[in-house]
Amino acid sequence: MCNHYRNNPDLIPTWREYAGYDLRQPNQEFASDVYPKRAGMIVRKDDGVVKSDVMAWGVPTMVKGATKMLEKRVTNVRNLSSNFWKSMLSKPEQRCLVPFSTFAEPKAGQGREEWWFTIKDQPLAAFAGIWRQSEHGAVYAFLTCEPNELVAPLHPKAMPVILDPSQYEEWLSTDYAGACAMAQPFPTDRMAVELKEHKKNK
């Protein structure tokens, strides 16, 4: 489960070069080192206009605890047929792009150590995200799918759904069936594992 990624704000203008989006950074502050509940930058359509926005990462849901119902923040969405997620996924206006420069998956049995993955040909890529309003304000999560051949040996459970720039417009406009069909592993040969250790930002 991906619960840590990074977004390099300096790379946001490069989206114009390969995706056609002339984006400005949001007026609100957002984290470049993103963990659950932190404010992250997303890109969505607002009345047909593509714009950047800032929301908290993790959609609140209620789960049954030992003695009472507890709130859980869901950052990764896999069950696309769930009525809860379907209610967002079926509405193009509640889909978003989540920019990232690199994302992490935990190293099994090695505490807080992580594997870091990048997209070779894109300085800033994007996850397939969904968002909604909540009692905590606007929140978002992104879809996951089966891991590709690069990720699977390191993290066999899942990987984030990563979109090619040619899919951005489709993701923000297609119907429910079309959105579900896009939940596919990203091509292995376009990804790399970073071997250097990342310092954790506070």
Protein backbone atom coordinates (compact mmCIF):
# COMPACT_ATOMS: atom_id res chain seq x y z
CA MET A 1 0.00 0.00 0.00
CA CYS A 2 1.43 3.35 -1.04
CA ASN A 3 1.26 5.72 1.92
CA HIS A 4 4.12 8.03 1.00
CA TYR A 5 4.99 9.92 -2.16
CA ARG A 6 6.75 13.08 -3.22
CA ASN A 7 5.71 15.92 -5.50
CA ASN A 8 8.37 18.37 -6.67
CA PRO A 9 6.62 21.77 -6.96
CA ASP A 10 9.39 23.08 -9.24
CA LEU A 11 8.36 20.54 -11.89
CA ILE A 12 4.71 21.58 -12.13
CA PRO A 13 5.32 23.93 -15.10
CA THR A 14 6.78 21.00 -17.09
CA TRP A 15 3.28 19.54 -17.40
CA ARG A 16 2.64 21.99 -20.20
CA GLU A 17 5.38 20.35 -22.27
CA TYR A 18 3.98 16.81 -22.30
CA ALA A 19 0.38 17.01 -21.09
CA GLY A 20 -0.78 20.37 -22.44
CA TYR A 21 -1.82 21.68 -19.02
CA ASP A 22 -0.58 25.17 -18.20
CA LEU A 23 -0.91 24.84 -14.45
CA ARG A 24 -0.18 27.34 -11.73
CA GLN A 25 0.70 26.26 -8.25
CA PRO A 26 -2.26 26.57 -5.86
CA ASN A 27 -2.44 29.59 -3.56
CA GLN A 28 -2.68 27.22 -0.59
CA GLU A 29 0.37 25.49 0.81
CA PHE A 30 0.74 21.80 0.08
CA ALA A 31 3.23 19.13 1.10
CA SER A 32 6.00 18.08 -1.28
CA ASP A 33 6.67 15.07 0.98
CA VAL A 34 3.18 13.61 1.26
CA TYR A 35 1.85 11.29 3.94
CA PRO A 36 -1.79 10.45 4.85
CA LYS A 37 -3.77 13.44 6.19
CA ARG A 38 -1.25 15.91 4.77
CA ALA A 39 -2.35 18.50 2.24
CA GLY A 40 -1.46 17.39 -1.28
CA MET A 41 -1.86 19.02 -4.67
CA ILE A 42 -4.39 17.55 -7.07
CA VAL A 43 -5.61 18.54 -10.54
CA ARG A 44 -9.32 18.43 -11.40
CA LYS A 45 -11.89 19.92 -13.73
CA ASP A 46 -14.05 22.72 -12.40
CA ASP A 47 -16.84 23.70 -14.80
CA GLY A 48 -14.79 22.26 -17.63
CA VAL A 49 -11.60 24.11 -16.72
CA VAL A 50 -8.56 22.12 -15.61
CA LYS A 51 -7.19 23.61 -12.38
CA SER A 52 -4.94 22.73 -9.48
CA ASP A 53 -6.28 22.41 -5.95
CA VAL A 54 -5.15 21.38 -2.46
CA MET A 55 -6.85 18.66 -0.42
CA ALA A 56 -6.03 16.29 2.44
CA TRP A 57 -4.83 12.82 1.43
CA GLY A 58 -7.14 10.14 2.78
CA VAL A 59 -10.91 9.73 2.53
CA PRO A 60 -12.51 9.19 5.97
CA THR A 61 -14.61 6.05 6.41
CA MET A 62 -15.98 4.36 9.50
CA VAL A 63 -14.76 0.89 10.48
CA LYS A 64 -15.79 -1.38 13.33
CA GLY A 65 -13.35 -1.39 16.23
CA ALA A 66 -13.29 -3.65 19.27
CA THR A 67 -15.84 -1.58 21.18
CA LYS A 68 -16.98 1.18 18.82
CA MET A 69 -16.89 2.51 15.28
CA LEU A 70 -13.63 4.20 14.40
CA GLU A 71 -12.67 6.61 11.65
CA LYS A 72 -10.10 5.41 9.13
CA ARG A 73 -8.47 7.47 6.39
CA VAL A 74 -8.36 5.48 3.15
CA THR A 75 -5.56 6.56 0.82
CA ASN A 76 -5.57 3.65 -1.68
CA VAL A 77 -8.76 2.41 -3.40
CA ARG A 78 -8.95 -1.11 -4.86
CA ASN A 79 -12.61 -2.21 -4.59
CA LEU A 80 -14.05 -0.11 -7.40
CA SER A 81 -17.46 -1.82 -7.26
CA SER A 82 -18.05 -0.73 -3.64
CA ASN A 83 -21.03 1.62 -3.53
CA PHE A 84 -19.01 4.10 -1.47
CA TRP A 85 -16.21 4.42 -4.03
CA LYS A 86 -18.51 3.98 -7.01
CA SER A 87 -20.44 7.08 -5.97
CA MET A 88 -17.28 9.12 -6.57
CA LEU A 89 -15.76 7.16 -9.43
CA SER A 90 -18.93 7.35 -11.53
CA LYS A 91 -18.81 11.18 -11.57
CA PRO A 92 -16.10 12.70 -13.77
CA GLU A 93 -16.20 15.90 -11.72
CA GLN A 94 -15.05 13.89 -8.68
CA ARG A 95 -12.02 12.42 -10.41
CA CYS A 96 -8.61 14.05 -10.24
CA LEU A 97 -4.97 13.67 -11.16
CA VAL A 98 -2.49 13.39 -8.29
CA PRO A 99 0.94 14.68 -9.36
CA PHE A 100 4.02 12.84 -8.07
CA SER A 101 7.72 12.75 -8.83
CA THR A 102 8.41 9.50 -6.94
CA PHE A 103 6.39 7.12 -4.76
CA ALA A 104 7.26 4.64 -2.04
CA GLU A 105 6.26 1.13 -1.08
CA PRO A 106 7.38 -0.37 2.24
CA LYS A 107 10.20 -2.92 2.37
CA ALA A 108 8.69 -6.06 3.90
CA GLY A 109 10.01 -6.78 7.38
CA GLN A 110 12.42 -3.82 7.37
CA GLY A 111 10.62 -1.34 9.55
CA ARG A 112 10.26 2.08 7.98
CA GLU A 113 12.56 1.42 5.05
CA GLU A 114 10.98 1.96 1.63
CA TRP A 115 11.43 1.24 -2.05
CA TRP A 116 11.16 4.34 -4.24
CA PHE A 117 9.81 4.23 -7.80
CA THR A 118 10.00 6.80 -10.60
CA ILE A 119 8.71 7.15 -14.16
CA LYS A 120 11.68 7.27 -16.51
CA ASP A 121 10.27 9.57 -19.19
CA GLN A 122 8.20 11.90 -17.00
CA PRO A 123 9.69 14.28 -14.44
CA LEU A 124 6.21 14.58 -12.92
CA ALA A 125 3.65 11.82 -13.40
CA ALA A 126 0.12 11.41 -12.04
CA PHE A 127 -1.94 8.86 -10.15
CA ALA A 128 -5.60 8.26 -11.03
CA GLY A 129 -7.39 9.96 -8.13
CA ILE A 130 -10.88 10.58 -6.80
CA TRP A 131 -12.01 13.25 -4.36
CA ARG A 132 -14.97 14.36 -2.28
CA GLN A 133 -16.06 16.82 0.35
CA SER A 134 -16.07 15.50 3.92
CA GLU A 135 -16.49 16.76 7.47
CA HIS A 136 -12.74 17.44 7.33
CA GLY A 137 -12.99 19.44 4.12
CA ALA A 138 -12.00 18.27 0.64
CA VAL A 139 -10.14 14.93 0.63
CA TYR A 140 -8.70 12.60 -2.02
CA ALA A 141 -7.39 9.09 -2.60
CA PHE A 142 -6.04 7.25 -5.63
CA LEU A 143 -6.72 3.90 -7.24
CA THR A 144 -4.51 0.82 -6.98
CA CYS A 145 -4.22 -2.27 -9.16
CA GLU A 146 -2.18 -5.43 -9.64
CA PRO A 147 1.57 -4.65 -9.53
CA ASN A 148 3.63 -4.82 -12.69
CA GLU A 149 6.77 -6.95 -13.10
CA LEU A 150 9.01 -4.29 -11.55
CA VAL A 151 6.90 -3.65 -8.45
CA ALA A 152 5.62 -7.20 -7.79
CA PRO A 153 8.88 -8.73 -6.49
CA LEU A 154 9.26 -5.84 -4.05
CA HIS A 155 5.62 -5.18 -3.15
CA PRO A 156 3.33 -7.98 -4.39
CA LYS A 157 0.03 -6.68 -3.04
CA ALA A 158 -0.64 -3.72 -5.31
CA MET A 159 0.67 -0.58 -6.98
CA PRO A 160 -0.92 2.82 -7.63
CA VAL A 161 -2.76 3.35 -10.91
CA ILE A 162 -0.46 5.64 -12.89
CA LEU A 163 -1.78 7.41 -15.97
CA ASP A 164 0.04 8.24 -19.17
CA PRO A 165 -0.38 11.93 -20.15
CA SER A 166 -2.43 10.79 -23.16
CA GLN A 167 -4.98 9.40 -20.65
CA TYR A 168 -5.38 12.50 -18.49
CA GLU A 169 -8.29 13.98 -20.40
CA GLU A 170 -10.02 10.62 -20.64
CA TRP A 171 -9.67 10.05 -16.90
CA LEU A 172 -11.28 13.40 -16.16
CA SER A 173 -14.19 12.87 -18.54
CA THR A 174 -14.99 9.18 -19.21
CA ASP A 175 -17.88 7.21 -17.68
CA TYR A 176 -17.70 4.73 -14.80
CA ALA A 177 -16.92 1.71 -16.98
CA GLY A 178 -14.21 3.64 -18.79
CA ALA A 179 -12.64 4.76 -15.52
CA CYS A 180 -12.59 1.19 -14.15
CA ALA A 181 -10.97 -0.05 -17.36
CA MET A 182 -8.10 2.38 -16.81
CA ALA A 183 -7.12 0.72 -13.51
CA GLN A 184 -4.22 -1.16 -15.08
CA PRO A 185 -0.53 -1.60 -14.14
CA PHE A 186 1.79 0.99 -15.66
CA PRO A 187 4.27 -0.39 -18.24
CA THR A 188 7.24 -1.98 -16.48
CA ASP A 189 9.83 -0.68 -18.94
CA ARG A 190 8.87 2.93 -18.23
CA MET A 191 9.54 2.66 -14.49
CA ALA A 192 12.69 2.45 -12.37
CA VAL A 193 13.61 1.74 -8.76
CA GLU A 194 15.74 4.38 -7.09
CA LEU A 195 18.67 2.80 -5.28
CA LYS A 196 19.63 5.83 -3.22
CA GLU A 197 18.17 6.28 0.24
CA HIS A 198 15.72 9.13 0.74
CA LYS A 199 15.95 11.24 3.86
CA LYS A 200 12.63 11.57 5.58
CA ASN A 201 11.34 15.11 5.68
CA LYS A 202 9.60 16.25 8.80
